[in-house]
Protein backbone atom coordinates (compact mmCIF):
# COMPACT_ATOMS: atom_id res chain seq x y z
CA MET A 1 0.00 0.00 0.00
CA ILE A 2 1.10 3.54 -0.63
CA ALA A 3 -0.31 6.48 1.24
CA ALA A 4 0.16 10.09 0.27
CA THR A 5 -0.46 13.35 2.03
CA ILE A 6 -1.12 16.29 -0.25
CA ASP A 7 -1.08 19.81 1.21
CA LEU A 8 -3.20 22.27 -0.73
CA GLN A 9 -3.57 26.04 -0.82
CA MET A 10 -6.84 27.53 -2.06
CA ASP A 11 -6.38 31.28 -2.39
CA GLY A 12 -9.59 33.23 -2.67
CA VAL A 13 -11.70 30.81 -0.63
CA GLU A 14 -13.77 32.93 1.76
CA SER A 15 -15.61 30.37 3.88
CA LEU A 16 -15.48 26.81 5.14
CA LYS A 17 -18.61 26.12 3.08
CA GLU A 18 -16.79 27.13 -0.11
CA LYS A 19 -13.74 25.05 0.88
CA ARG A 20 -15.92 21.99 1.56
CA SER A 21 -17.62 22.38 -1.81
CA ILE A 22 -14.27 22.43 -3.63
CA LEU A 23 -12.91 19.46 -1.67
CA LYS A 24 -16.08 17.38 -1.95
CA SER A 25 -16.06 17.73 -5.73
CA MET A 26 -12.33 17.04 -6.02
CA ILE A 27 -12.41 14.02 -3.66
CA ALA A 28 -15.31 12.45 -5.56
CA ARG A 29 -13.57 12.95 -8.91
CA LEU A 30 -10.24 11.55 -7.69
CA HIS A 31 -11.95 8.48 -6.25
CA GLN A 32 -13.94 7.92 -9.43
CA THR A 33 -11.06 8.54 -11.84
CA PHE A 34 -8.24 6.72 -10.03
CA ASN A 35 -10.04 4.25 -7.73
CA VAL A 36 -8.16 5.53 -4.69
CA GLY A 37 -9.26 6.32 -1.16
CA VAL A 38 -9.27 10.06 -0.49
CA ALA A 39 -10.17 12.10 2.59
CA GLU A 40 -9.45 15.46 4.15
CA VAL A 41 -7.06 14.54 6.97
CA ASP A 42 -5.98 17.86 8.50
CA LEU A 43 -6.55 21.62 8.52
CA HIS A 44 -10.32 21.11 8.73
CA ASP A 45 -11.08 24.59 10.08
CA VAL A 46 -8.64 26.57 7.92
CA TRP A 47 -10.45 28.24 5.02
CA GLN A 48 -7.67 28.41 2.45
CA SER A 49 -5.64 25.30 3.26
CA ALA A 50 -6.33 21.58 3.23
CA ALA A 51 -4.49 18.31 3.67
CA LEU A 52 -5.72 15.31 1.73
CA GLY A 53 -4.81 11.73 2.47
CA VAL A 54 -4.76 9.44 -0.55
CA ALA A 55 -4.27 5.67 -0.36
CA ILE A 56 -3.94 2.93 -2.93
CA VAL A 57 -3.56 -0.78 -2.28
CA SER A 58 -1.61 -2.74 -4.87
CA THR A 59 0.76 -5.67 -5.11
CA ASP A 60 3.00 -3.52 -7.32
CA SER A 61 4.45 -0.49 -5.54
CA ARG A 62 5.65 1.03 -8.84
CA HIS A 63 2.10 0.95 -10.17
CA ALA A 64 0.72 2.45 -6.97
CA GLU A 65 3.30 5.23 -7.02
CA SER A 66 2.51 6.02 -10.67
CA VAL A 67 -1.20 6.28 -9.79
CA LEU A 68 -0.41 8.74 -7.01
CA GLU A 69 1.78 10.76 -9.39
CA ALA A 70 -1.18 10.80 -11.80
CA VAL A 71 -3.40 12.10 -8.98
CA LEU A 72 -0.98 15.00 -8.44
CA GLY A 73 -0.92 15.71 -12.18
CA TRP A 74 -4.71 15.62 -12.36
CA ILE A 75 -5.02 18.19 -9.56
CA GLU A 76 -2.48 20.48 -11.25
CA ARG A 77 -4.19 20.24 -14.65
CA ASN A 78 -7.84 20.25 -13.64
CA ARG A 79 -7.96 22.44 -10.55
CA PRO A 80 -6.17 25.73 -11.27
CA ASP A 81 -7.92 27.14 -8.18
CA VAL A 82 -5.98 24.69 -5.98
CA GLU A 83 -2.20 24.78 -5.53
CA ILE A 84 -0.23 21.76 -4.33
CA VAL A 85 2.24 23.17 -1.81
CA ASP A 86 3.69 19.86 -0.61
CA HIS A 87 3.21 16.12 -0.82
CA THR A 88 4.68 12.99 0.69
CA PHE A 89 4.43 9.33 -0.27
CA GLU A 90 4.81 6.50 2.21
CA ILE A 91 5.12 2.87 1.18
CA ILE A 92 3.55 0.56 3.73
CA HIS A 93 4.66 -3.05 3.38
CA TYR A 94 2.49 -5.90 4.52
CA HIS A 95 4.33 -8.64 6.40
CA PRO A 96 2.14 -11.61 7.36
């Protein structure tokens, strides 16, 4: 499994309601397009910032990492109102 944290900046957002609307739409689209788990994981009460957690489970870590890179690219291309300010990937190995 690979988990990512994506820190976002949303300049011009003037309320939590507006922020939630942007995130709800983006989270639904990312889940639908990439079949990944996505949730807001931090900065819940900050109007112009958000932290998304994204997770993908795969037996191939290279594939999972490429999907997460595609998620970042999708945000950059399709959401000009949202800036990615930082991101981290963490590979979580399963050991039975």
